N, C-alpha and C. Protein backbone atom coordinates (compact mmCIF):
# COMPACT_ATOMS: atom_id res chain seq x y z
N UNK A 1 -7.72 11.28 -7.22
CA UNK A 1 -6.75 10.97 -5.53
C UNK A 1 -6.57 12.48 -5.58
N UNK A 2 -6.24 12.82 -3.96
CA UNK A 2 -5.73 13.98 -4.07
C UNK A 2 -4.72 13.95 -3.16
N UNK A 3 -4.00 15.42 -2.71
CA UNK A 3 -2.92 15.95 -2.00
C UNK A 3 -3.44 16.03 -0.56
N UNK A 4 -2.71 14.98 0.26
CA UNK A 4 -3.45 14.85 1.85
C UNK A 4 -3.38 16.25 2.88
N UNK A 5 -2.40 16.80 2.80
CA UNK A 5 -1.54 17.46 4.06
C UNK A 5 -0.60 18.49 3.54
N UNK A 6 -0.20 19.59 3.82
CA UNK A 6 0.53 20.12 3.31
C UNK A 6 0.39 21.38 2.56
N UNK A 7 1.49 22.14 1.75
CA UNK A 7 0.69 23.60 1.36
C UNK A 7 0.13 23.09 -0.09
N UNK A 8 -0.03 21.85 -0.83
CA UNK A 8 -0.79 21.23 -1.89
C UNK A 8 -2.27 20.54 -1.43
N UNK A 9 -2.24 20.85 -0.09
CA UNK A 9 -3.25 19.76 0.56
C UNK A 9 -4.75 19.88 -0.30
N UNK A 10 -5.49 19.12 -0.53
CA UNK A 10 -6.96 19.11 -1.44
C UNK A 10 -6.78 19.06 -3.09
N UNK A 11 -5.21 19.13 -3.70
CA UNK A 11 -5.31 19.53 -4.94
C UNK A 11 -5.54 18.25 -5.45
N UNK A 12 -5.94 18.26 -6.60
CA UNK A 12 -6.48 16.94 -7.19
C UNK A 12 -5.28 16.49 -7.95
N UNK A 13 -4.97 15.44 -7.99
CA UNK A 13 -3.99 14.62 -9.07
C UNK A 13 -4.87 13.52 -10.07
N UNK A 14 -4.17 13.27 -10.93
CA UNK A 14 -4.80 12.81 -11.45
C UNK A 14 -3.79 10.96 -11.67
N UNK A 15 -4.19 9.46 -12.15
CA UNK A 15 -3.90 8.29 -11.71
C UNK A 15 -3.66 7.85 -13.21
N UNK A 16 -2.28 7.41 -13.36
CA UNK A 16 -2.34 6.35 -15.42
C UNK A 16 -3.48 6.04 -15.01
N UNK A 17 -4.14 5.62 -16.31
CA UNK A 17 -4.95 5.00 -16.60
C UNK A 17 -4.91 3.16 -16.82
N UNK A 18 -5.83 2.51 -16.23
CA UNK A 18 -5.65 0.89 -17.06
C UNK A 18 -4.65 0.34 -15.56
N UNK A 19 -3.69 -0.61 -16.40
CA UNK A 19 -3.24 -1.13 -15.64
C UNK A 19 -1.64 -1.60 -15.29
N UNK A 20 -1.06 -0.10 -16.11
CA UNK A 20 -0.05 0.49 -16.01
C UNK A 20 0.76 0.32 -14.74
N UNK A 21 -0.31 0.71 -13.81
CA UNK A 21 0.34 1.36 -12.16
C UNK A 21 -0.50 0.70 -11.35
N UNK A 22 -0.35 0.90 -9.67
CA UNK A 22 -1.10 0.33 -8.64
C UNK A 22 -1.03 1.42 -7.88
N UNK A 23 -1.95 2.81 -8.31
CA UNK A 23 -2.19 3.71 -7.54
C UNK A 23 -2.20 3.74 -5.70
N UNK A 24 -1.31 4.13 -4.99
CA UNK A 24 -1.98 3.76 -3.48
C UNK A 24 -2.74 4.59 -3.34
N UNK A 25 -4.23 4.01 -2.97
CA UNK A 25 -5.22 4.84 -2.54
C UNK A 25 -4.95 6.02 -1.38
N UNK A 26 -5.95 6.99 -1.29
CA UNK A 26 -6.23 8.39 -0.76
C UNK A 26 -5.58 7.78 1.04
N UNK A 27 -6.43 6.71 1.22
CA UNK A 27 -6.67 6.35 2.58
C UNK A 27 -5.53 5.86 3.11
N UNK A 28 -4.83 4.79 2.04
CA UNK A 28 -3.21 4.16 2.53
C UNK A 28 -2.26 4.73 2.45
N UNK A 29 -2.08 6.25 1.76
CA UNK A 29 -1.40 7.20 1.70
C UNK A 29 -1.60 8.13 2.88
N UNK A 30 -2.64 8.40 3.30
CA UNK A 30 -2.46 9.34 4.50
C UNK A 30 -2.09 8.37 5.70
N UNK A 31 -2.38 6.85 5.93
CA UNK A 31 -1.72 6.45 6.95
C UNK A 31 -0.22 6.18 6.99
N UNK A 32 0.37 5.78 5.26
CA UNK A 32 1.15 5.72 5.54
C UNK A 32 2.20 7.21 6.06
N UNK A 33 2.01 8.20 5.49
CA UNK A 33 2.73 9.47 6.13
C UNK A 33 2.48 9.58 8.02
N UNK A 34 1.22 9.08 8.01
CA UNK A 34 0.91 9.49 9.39
C UNK A 34 2.42 8.65 10.20
N UNK A 35 2.63 7.66 9.85
CA UNK A 35 4.14 6.56 9.68
C UNK A 35 5.10 7.53 9.70
N UNK A 36 5.39 7.53 8.66
CA UNK A 36 6.78 8.59 8.22
C UNK A 36 6.73 9.89 9.22
N UNK A 37 5.77 10.83 9.16
CA UNK A 37 5.96 11.55 9.92
C UNK A 37 6.35 11.45 11.47
N UNK A 38 6.31 10.46 12.12
CA UNK A 38 6.51 10.61 12.98
C UNK A 38 8.42 9.81 13.15
N UNK A 39 8.80 9.98 11.70
CA UNK A 39 10.28 9.25 11.32
C UNK A 39 11.07 10.32 10.70
N UNK A 40 10.34 11.43 10.17
CA UNK A 40 11.59 12.01 8.97
C UNK A 40 10.53 13.43 9.74
N UNK A 41 11.63 14.33 9.45
CA UNK A 41 11.49 15.78 9.29
C UNK A 41 11.34 15.86 7.84
N UNK A 42 10.45 16.32 7.44
CA UNK A 42 9.84 16.73 6.06
C UNK A 42 10.58 17.87 5.84
N UNK A 43 10.55 19.12 6.80
CA UNK A 43 11.00 20.47 6.15
C UNK A 43 13.05 20.13 5.38
N UNK A 44 13.00 20.50 4.33
CA UNK A 44 14.53 20.50 4.05
C UNK A 44 14.65 19.03 3.25
N UNK A 45 13.73 17.58 3.75
CA UNK A 45 14.10 16.48 3.46
C UNK A 45 14.45 16.43 2.01
N UNK A 46 15.57 15.29 1.70
CA UNK A 46 15.88 14.92 -0.22
C UNK A 46 14.72 13.14 -0.26
N UNK A 47 14.32 13.09 -0.82
CA UNK A 47 12.98 12.59 -1.22
C UNK A 47 13.33 11.60 -2.38
N UNK A 48 13.07 10.07 -2.58
CA UNK A 48 13.38 9.37 -3.90
C UNK A 48 11.91 8.38 -3.87
N UNK A 49 11.11 9.11 -4.97
CA UNK A 49 9.87 8.28 -4.91
C UNK A 49 10.34 7.46 -6.59
N UNK A 50 10.84 6.20 -6.44
CA UNK A 50 11.19 5.17 -6.76
C UNK A 50 9.56 4.54 -7.16
N UNK A 51 9.28 4.12 -8.91
CA UNK A 51 8.50 3.36 -9.03
C UNK A 51 7.24 4.56 -9.33
N UNK A 52 6.90 5.49 -9.64
CA UNK A 52 6.65 6.99 -9.26
C UNK A 52 5.01 6.59 -9.51
N UNK A 53 5.18 6.43 -10.71
CA UNK A 53 3.40 6.47 -11.36
C UNK A 53 2.70 7.64 -11.18
N UNK A 54 1.96 8.10 -10.76
CA UNK A 54 1.58 9.09 -10.51
C UNK A 54 2.32 10.53 -9.92
N UNK A 55 3.44 9.66 -9.23
CA UNK A 55 4.00 10.94 -8.27
C UNK A 55 3.43 11.03 -7.12
N UNK A 56 2.15 10.81 -6.72
CA UNK A 56 1.66 10.93 -5.62
C UNK A 56 2.18 10.97 -4.17
N UNK A 57 3.28 9.87 -3.68
CA UNK A 57 4.17 10.13 -2.55
C UNK A 57 4.95 10.89 -2.68
N UNK A 58 5.30 11.30 -3.76
CA UNK A 58 6.31 12.17 -3.83
C UNK A 58 6.18 13.61 -3.97
N UNK A 59 5.08 14.05 -4.70
CA UNK A 59 4.10 15.56 -4.55
C UNK A 59 4.02 15.34 -3.22
N UNK A 60 3.20 14.22 -2.29
CA UNK A 60 2.53 14.38 -0.85
C UNK A 60 4.04 14.78 0.06
N UNK A 61 5.20 14.36 -0.15
CA UNK A 61 5.85 14.78 0.62
C UNK A 61 6.57 16.27 0.23
N UNK A 62 6.54 16.60 -0.97
CA UNK A 62 7.12 17.83 -1.34
C UNK A 62 5.83 18.67 -0.82
N UNK A 63 4.62 18.58 -0.83
CA UNK A 63 3.92 19.61 -0.33
C UNK A 63 4.22 19.52 1.39
N UNK A 64 4.71 18.41 1.97
CA UNK A 64 4.26 18.54 3.64
C UNK A 64 6.29 18.91 3.70
N UNK A 65 6.42 19.82 3.08
CA UNK A 65 8.08 20.58 2.98
C UNK A 65 9.18 19.65 2.75
N UNK A 66 9.23 19.15 2.06
CA UNK A 66 10.56 18.40 1.46
C UNK A 66 11.11 19.58 0.53
N UNK A 67 12.28 19.41 0.24
CA UNK A 67 12.87 20.63 -0.46
C UNK A 67 13.25 20.03 -1.86
N UNK A 68 13.18 18.61 -2.09
CA UNK A 68 13.47 18.03 -3.30
C UNK A 68 12.99 16.37 -3.35
N UNK A 69 12.41 16.11 -4.87
CA UNK A 69 12.28 14.45 -4.86
C UNK A 69 12.70 14.29 -6.32
N UNK A 70 13.32 12.78 -6.28
CA UNK A 70 13.60 12.59 -7.56
C UNK A 70 13.01 11.21 -8.15
N UNK A 71 11.99 11.66 -9.16
CA UNK A 71 10.75 10.46 -9.33
C UNK A 71 11.64 9.59 -10.54
N UNK A 72 11.53 8.56 -10.39
CA UNK A 72 11.70 7.50 -11.40
C UNK A 72 10.74 6.73 -11.79
N UNK A 73 10.75 6.76 -13.12
CA UNK A 73 9.44 6.49 -13.73
C UNK A 73 9.69 6.25 -15.11
N UNK A 74 10.23 4.81 -15.85
CA UNK A 74 9.92 4.71 -17.18
C UNK A 74 8.56 4.05 -18.09
N UNK A 75 7.19 4.05 -17.65
CA UNK A 75 6.48 3.91 -18.43
C UNK A 75 5.72 5.15 -19.07
N UNK A 76 6.23 5.86 -20.57
CA UNK A 76 6.00 6.58 -21.02
C UNK A 76 4.48 7.30 -20.30
N UNK A 77 3.11 6.49 -20.61
CA UNK A 77 2.44 7.05 -20.47
C UNK A 77 1.61 7.44 -18.67
N UNK A 78 2.77 6.59 -18.19
CA UNK A 78 2.40 7.16 -16.73
C UNK A 78 3.52 8.23 -16.09
N UNK A 79 4.46 8.46 -17.04
CA UNK A 79 5.43 9.38 -17.10
C UNK A 79 4.69 10.61 -17.38
N UNK A 80 3.75 10.87 -18.22
CA UNK A 80 3.05 11.84 -18.78
C UNK A 80 2.12 12.28 -18.24
N UNK A 81 1.15 11.09 -17.19
CA UNK A 81 0.21 11.80 -16.18
C UNK A 81 1.20 12.43 -15.02
N UNK A 82 2.66 12.09 -14.56
CA UNK A 82 3.25 12.54 -13.45
C UNK A 82 3.45 13.87 -13.95
N UNK A 83 3.52 13.96 -15.51
CA UNK A 83 4.55 15.20 -15.36
C UNK A 83 3.58 16.14 -15.41
N UNK A 84 1.87 16.04 -15.57
CA UNK A 84 1.01 16.57 -15.92
C UNK A 84 0.49 17.20 -13.92
N UNK A 85 0.80 15.98 -13.11
CA UNK A 85 0.68 15.84 -11.82
C UNK A 85 1.15 17.32 -11.27
N UNK A 86 2.61 17.29 -12.04
CA UNK A 86 3.77 18.04 -11.11
C UNK A 86 3.03 20.03 -11.49
N UNK A 87 3.06 19.66 -12.78
CA UNK A 87 2.12 20.99 -13.60
C UNK A 87 0.93 21.16 -12.53
N UNK A 88 0.11 20.32 -12.33
CA UNK A 88 -1.16 20.75 -12.18
C UNK A 88 -1.08 21.83 -10.66
N UNK A 89 0.12 20.77 -9.93
CA UNK A 89 0.30 21.07 -8.40
C UNK A 89 1.20 22.90 -8.32
N UNK A 90 1.69 22.98 -9.70
CA UNK A 90 2.86 24.07 -9.66
C UNK A 90 3.53 24.09 -9.04
N UNK A 91 4.57 22.68 -8.92
CA UNK A 91 5.74 22.45 -8.22
C UNK A 91 6.74 23.40 -8.95
N UNK A 92 8.01 24.40 -8.43
CA UNK A 92 8.79 25.36 -8.90
C UNK A 92 9.81 23.74 -9.51
N UNK A 93 10.58 23.93 -10.57
CA UNK A 93 11.49 22.92 -11.40
C UNK A 93 12.37 22.36 -10.38
N UNK A 94 12.79 23.38 -9.95
CA UNK A 94 13.89 22.85 -9.12
C UNK A 94 13.82 22.25 -8.37
N UNK A 95 12.74 21.64 -7.53
CA UNK A 95 12.56 20.95 -6.51
C UNK A 95 11.84 19.47 -6.79
N UNK A 96 12.22 19.34 -8.22
CA UNK A 96 12.39 17.66 -8.66
C UNK A 96 12.87 17.59 -9.71
N UNK A 97 13.44 16.17 -10.31
CA UNK A 97 13.95 15.67 -11.36
C UNK A 97 12.90 14.48 -11.80
N UNK A 98 13.12 14.29 -12.79
CA UNK A 98 12.36 12.74 -13.13
C UNK A 98 13.74 11.83 -13.98
N UNK A 99 13.97 10.72 -13.40
CA UNK A 99 14.43 9.82 -14.10
C UNK A 99 13.85 8.73 -15.08
N UNK A 100 13.98 8.99 -16.39
CA UNK A 100 13.03 8.43 -17.36
C UNK A 100 12.88 7.06 -17.84
N UNK A 101 13.80 6.20 -16.63
CA UNK A 101 14.32 5.02 -17.07
C UNK A 101 13.46 3.73 -16.29
N UNK A 102 14.06 2.51 -16.24
CA UNK A 102 14.03 1.82 -15.09
C UNK A 102 14.70 1.99 -14.04
N UNK A 103 14.28 2.56 -12.91
CA UNK A 103 14.23 2.66 -11.77
C UNK A 103 15.98 1.84 -10.80
N UNK A 104 15.59 0.38 -10.95
CA UNK A 104 17.05 -0.17 -11.14
C UNK A 104 18.27 0.28 -11.73
N UNK A 105 18.06 0.89 -12.84
CA UNK A 105 19.18 1.33 -12.99
C UNK A 105 19.75 2.61 -12.58
N UNK A 106 18.80 3.49 -12.48
CA UNK A 106 19.38 4.77 -11.53
C UNK A 106 20.58 5.21 -10.86
N UNK A 107 21.69 4.34 -10.36
CA UNK A 107 22.66 4.22 -9.85
C UNK A 107 23.28 5.07 -10.12
N UNK A 108 23.66 5.03 -11.63
CA UNK A 108 24.68 5.63 -11.93
C UNK A 108 23.97 7.02 -11.98
N UNK A 109 23.04 7.17 -12.40
CA UNK A 109 22.50 8.63 -12.56
C UNK A 109 22.94 9.24 -11.13
N UNK A 110 22.46 8.53 -10.21
CA UNK A 110 22.82 9.31 -9.04
C UNK A 110 23.90 9.76 -8.95
N UNK A 111 24.94 8.78 -8.86
CA UNK A 111 26.17 9.35 -8.59
C UNK A 111 27.02 10.30 -9.74
N UNK A 112 26.60 10.09 -11.15
CA UNK A 112 27.04 11.37 -12.05
C UNK A 112 26.15 12.18 -11.96
N UNK A 113 25.32 12.77 -11.05
CA UNK A 113 24.78 13.69 -10.91
C UNK A 113 24.96 14.60 -9.27
N UNK A 114 25.06 14.01 -8.55
CA UNK A 114 25.70 13.91 -7.33
C UNK A 114 24.85 14.58 -6.44
N UNK A 115 23.42 13.76 -6.42
CA UNK A 115 22.57 14.34 -5.99
C UNK A 115 22.44 14.41 -4.41
N UNK A 116 22.21 15.20 -3.50
CA UNK A 116 22.10 14.97 -1.98
C UNK A 116 21.48 13.70 -1.71
N UNK A 117 21.91 13.14 -0.30
CA UNK A 117 21.46 11.94 0.11
C UNK A 117 20.22 11.90 0.33
N UNK A 118 19.36 10.97 0.29
CA UNK A 118 17.87 11.03 0.63
C UNK A 118 18.00 10.65 2.11
N UNK A 119 16.79 11.35 2.72
CA UNK A 119 16.48 11.25 3.90
C UNK A 119 15.00 10.24 3.68
N UNK A 120 14.36 10.09 2.64
CA UNK A 120 13.17 8.98 2.35
C UNK A 120 13.22 8.71 1.16
N UNK A 121 12.95 7.39 1.15
CA UNK A 121 13.39 6.66 -0.07
C UNK A 121 12.24 5.63 -0.27
N UNK A 122 10.93 6.07 -1.35
CA UNK A 122 9.45 5.49 -1.07
C UNK A 122 9.53 4.36 -2.89
N UNK A 123 9.52 2.94 -2.22
CA UNK A 123 9.47 1.74 -2.67
C UNK A 123 7.90 1.31 -3.19
N UNK A 124 7.42 1.51 -4.18
CA UNK A 124 6.03 1.14 -4.59
C UNK A 124 6.00 0.11 -5.73
N UNK A 125 6.97 -0.62 -5.69
CA UNK A 125 6.86 -1.71 -6.83
C UNK A 125 5.77 -2.23 -7.80
N UNK A 126 5.75 -2.52 -8.75
CA UNK A 126 4.20 -3.43 -9.47
C UNK A 126 4.76 -4.58 -8.57
N UNK A 127 3.46 -5.10 -8.40
CA UNK A 127 3.98 -6.51 -7.55
C UNK A 127 4.56 -7.88 -8.00
N UNK A 128 4.53 -7.39 -9.39
CA UNK A 128 5.48 -8.58 -9.94
C UNK A 128 6.82 -8.55 -9.94
N UNK A 129 7.52 -7.73 -9.33
CA UNK A 129 9.20 -7.60 -8.89
C UNK A 129 8.91 -8.52 -7.37
N UNK A 130 9.93 -8.88 -7.58
CA UNK A 130 10.09 -10.21 -6.78
C UNK A 130 10.90 -9.13 -5.28
N UNK A 131 10.79 -9.57 -4.61
CA UNK A 131 11.77 -8.99 -3.27
C UNK A 131 12.95 -8.86 -3.43
N UNK A 132 13.36 -10.27 -3.71
CA UNK A 132 15.08 -10.74 -3.89
C UNK A 132 15.35 -9.18 -4.92
N UNK A 133 14.83 -9.06 -5.79
CA UNK A 133 14.99 -7.56 -6.94
C UNK A 133 15.10 -6.29 -6.05
N UNK A 134 13.88 -5.98 -5.57
CA UNK A 134 14.32 -4.88 -4.89
C UNK A 134 15.16 -4.96 -3.58
N UNK A 135 15.52 -5.85 -2.91
CA UNK A 135 16.70 -5.90 -2.02
C UNK A 135 18.07 -5.63 -2.45
N UNK A 136 18.39 -6.34 -3.88
CA UNK A 136 19.71 -5.71 -4.54
C UNK A 136 19.73 -4.56 -4.87
N UNK A 137 18.66 -3.96 -5.21
CA UNK A 137 18.26 -2.61 -5.67
C UNK A 137 18.50 -1.49 -4.50
N UNK A 138 18.16 -2.19 -3.14
CA UNK A 138 18.62 -1.34 -1.94
C UNK A 138 20.06 -1.38 -1.73
N UNK A 139 20.63 -2.73 -2.05
CA UNK A 139 21.60 -3.03 -1.48
C UNK A 139 23.04 -2.00 -2.45
N UNK A 140 22.33 -1.91 -3.46
CA UNK A 140 23.14 -0.68 -4.59
C UNK A 140 22.96 0.67 -3.72
N UNK A 141 22.03 0.67 -3.53
CA UNK A 141 21.86 2.30 -2.73
C UNK A 141 22.82 2.33 -1.76
N UNK A 142 22.98 1.55 -0.97
CA UNK A 142 23.96 1.55 0.21
C UNK A 142 25.42 1.33 -0.07
N UNK A 143 25.05 0.98 -1.27
CA UNK A 143 27.08 0.79 -1.94
C UNK A 143 27.05 2.46 -2.39
N UNK A 144 26.44 3.01 -2.96
CA UNK A 144 26.52 4.21 -3.72
C UNK A 144 26.37 5.22 -2.75
N UNK A 145 26.33 4.64 -1.35
CA UNK A 145 26.18 5.59 -0.43
C UNK A 145 24.92 7.37 -0.51
N UNK A 146 23.74 6.50 -1.37
CA UNK A 146 22.69 7.94 -1.20
C UNK A 146 21.78 7.58 -0.29
N UNK A 147 21.65 7.29 1.06
CA UNK A 147 21.24 7.26 1.98
C UNK A 147 21.96 8.32 3.05
N UNK A 148 21.27 9.22 3.44
CA UNK A 148 21.63 9.87 4.73
C UNK A 148 21.77 8.85 5.96
N UNK A 149 22.31 9.45 7.02
CA UNK A 149 21.62 8.80 8.72
C UNK A 149 20.38 8.70 8.56
N UNK A 150 19.95 7.88 9.46
CA UNK A 150 19.02 7.80 9.70
C UNK A 150 17.56 7.86 8.55
N UNK A 151 17.79 7.42 7.20
CA UNK A 151 16.97 7.44 5.86
C UNK A 151 15.95 6.99 6.18
N UNK A 152 14.78 6.88 5.95
CA UNK A 152 13.96 6.07 6.73
C UNK A 152 13.45 5.08 4.84
N UNK A 153 13.02 4.08 4.44
CA UNK A 153 13.04 3.69 2.99
C UNK A 153 11.31 2.79 3.61
N UNK A 154 10.42 3.09 2.75
CA UNK A 154 9.10 2.41 2.71
C UNK A 154 9.12 1.80 1.42
N UNK A 155 8.56 0.09 1.49
CA UNK A 155 8.39 -0.58 0.40
C UNK A 155 7.04 -1.29 0.57
N UNK A 156 5.99 -0.63 -0.15
CA UNK A 156 4.40 -1.33 -0.33
C UNK A 156 5.12 -2.57 -1.07
N UNK A 157 4.57 -3.58 -0.41
CA UNK A 157 4.33 -4.82 -1.54
C UNK A 157 3.11 -5.76 -0.99
N UNK A 158 2.78 -6.89 -1.90
CA UNK A 158 1.74 -7.52 -1.86
C UNK A 158 1.62 -8.59 -0.41
N UNK A 159 0.68 -8.17 0.66
CA UNK A 159 0.65 -8.86 1.85
C UNK A 159 1.29 -10.10 1.63
N UNK A 160 0.48 -11.43 0.90
CA UNK A 160 1.18 -12.56 0.95
C UNK A 160 2.63 -12.62 0.55
N UNK A 161 3.46 -11.70 0.16
CA UNK A 161 4.53 -11.59 -0.08
C UNK A 161 5.78 -11.16 1.24
N UNK A 162 4.75 -10.67 2.22
CA UNK A 162 5.67 -9.38 2.79
C UNK A 162 6.59 -10.58 4.09
N UNK A 163 6.41 -11.66 4.16
CA UNK A 163 7.42 -12.85 4.70
C UNK A 163 8.68 -12.73 4.08
N UNK A 164 8.87 -13.10 2.75
CA UNK A 164 9.38 -13.34 1.69
C UNK A 164 10.29 -12.49 1.88
N UNK A 165 9.80 -10.54 2.16
CA UNK A 165 10.31 -9.50 1.42
C UNK A 165 11.22 -9.39 3.11
N UNK A 166 10.46 -9.76 4.31
CA UNK A 166 10.92 -9.67 5.45
C UNK A 166 12.74 -10.25 5.29
N UNK A 167 12.35 -11.60 5.07
CA UNK A 167 13.40 -12.01 5.05
C UNK A 167 14.85 -12.03 4.61
N UNK A 168 14.33 -11.93 3.37
CA UNK A 168 15.11 -11.08 2.45
C UNK A 168 16.10 -9.91 2.77
N UNK A 169 15.30 -8.81 3.39
CA UNK A 169 15.73 -7.49 4.05
C UNK A 169 16.38 -7.76 5.53
N UNK A 170 16.14 -8.67 6.26
CA UNK A 170 16.60 -9.05 7.05
C UNK A 170 18.38 -9.00 7.00
N UNK A 171 18.31 -9.40 5.66
CA UNK A 171 20.14 -9.38 5.18
C UNK A 171 21.07 -8.55 4.79
N UNK A 172 20.15 -7.19 4.77
CA UNK A 172 21.08 -5.98 4.71
C UNK A 172 21.43 -5.43 6.01
N UNK A 173 22.17 -5.62 6.66
CA UNK A 173 22.35 -5.43 8.09
C UNK A 173 22.11 -3.66 8.59
N UNK A 174 22.27 -2.89 7.12
CA UNK A 174 22.17 -1.48 7.12
C UNK A 174 20.57 -1.09 7.66
N UNK A 175 19.96 -1.64 6.95
CA UNK A 175 18.68 -1.40 6.96
C UNK A 175 17.91 -2.19 8.53
N UNK A 176 16.96 -1.94 9.17
CA UNK A 176 16.37 -2.28 10.17
C UNK A 176 14.94 -1.95 9.85
N UNK A 177 14.52 -3.33 10.30
CA UNK A 177 12.97 -3.00 9.91
C UNK A 177 12.72 -2.18 11.22
N UNK A 178 11.32 -1.05 10.97
CA UNK A 178 11.00 -0.60 12.33
C UNK A 178 9.74 -0.24 12.52
N UNK A 179 8.91 -1.00 11.64
CA UNK A 179 7.79 -0.66 11.78
C UNK A 179 6.79 -1.24 10.55
N UNK A 180 5.72 -1.84 10.50
CA UNK A 180 4.94 -2.43 9.50
C UNK A 180 3.71 -2.27 9.78
N UNK A 181 2.98 -2.09 8.32
CA UNK A 181 1.45 -1.68 8.15
C UNK A 181 0.99 -2.66 7.09
N UNK A 182 -0.55 -2.99 7.86
CA UNK A 182 -1.33 -4.35 6.47
C UNK A 182 -2.44 -3.40 6.31
N UNK A 183 -2.35 -3.76 5.14
CA UNK A 183 -4.00 -2.45 4.73
C UNK A 183 -4.59 -3.43 3.52
N UNK A 184 -5.72 -3.90 3.93
CA UNK A 184 -6.29 -4.95 2.82
C UNK A 184 -5.72 -5.76 2.09
N UNK A 185 -5.19 -6.11 0.53
CA UNK A 185 -3.82 -6.84 0.71
C UNK A 185 -2.36 -6.32 0.31
N UNK A 186 -1.89 -5.02 1.28
CA UNK A 186 -0.74 -4.58 1.09
C UNK A 186 -0.28 -4.72 2.32
N UNK A 187 1.40 -5.01 2.08
CA UNK A 187 2.21 -4.56 3.77
C UNK A 187 2.97 -3.41 3.52
N UNK A 188 3.31 -2.57 4.33
CA UNK A 188 4.16 -1.29 3.83
C UNK A 188 5.06 -1.27 4.71
N UNK A 189 6.41 -1.96 4.57
CA UNK A 189 7.44 -1.88 5.42
C UNK A 189 8.31 -1.09 5.99
N UNK A 190 8.56 -0.43 7.12
CA UNK A 190 9.11 1.05 7.18
C UNK A 190 10.90 0.16 7.55
N UNK A 191 11.88 1.09 6.94
CA UNK A 191 12.71 0.61 7.29
C UNK A 191 14.19 1.62 7.82
N UNK A 192 14.70 1.84 8.86
CA UNK A 192 15.79 2.48 9.04
C UNK A 192 17.15 2.45 8.64
N UNK A 193 17.69 3.22 7.75
CA UNK A 193 19.09 3.01 7.74
C UNK A 193 19.71 3.52 9.07
N UNK A 194 20.86 2.77 9.33
CA UNK A 194 22.11 2.74 10.20
C UNK A 194 23.16 2.88 9.65
N UNK A 195 24.15 3.65 9.63
CA UNK A 195 25.55 3.23 8.85
C UNK A 195 26.23 2.18 9.58
């Protein structure tokens, strides 16, 4: 895997071995960030790479000018790879934080640490997570006032479950489905936050 664009363009990063994570391919990440770029100004943005795995999504955002990224990864071996990638890219320690527990329990951490509101939230959960669980997590983020106005949320899901996810997300009035990308067996949903 490599960083696609920005300050760290071309830098190689690793992905966790085995079936611990399902890394987003370079091609899919490039396509995804092309869609994100038309909706998010990366310069100074605050990002959340939930279910971070290798951290490729968050590192890509930082490479493109984001000011800060919170990574959430509870698997120890994946977190070691994430840390290795952050060091390999030589990111300053003040531009990221790592939440080492289940991302679904990160709401209290966000409140306690008074992080700035997110401009971009990237959700790439293991396919075993039901859309209902992710919708509840997004509802919790909304309740915690974690989103900046016009925050973009990306949600990668197994294509065969995309319709169920859209039905569930439709119940969240503050999030509007603005774009959808289908690639191979995955669908990426793009949602815009409106107060």
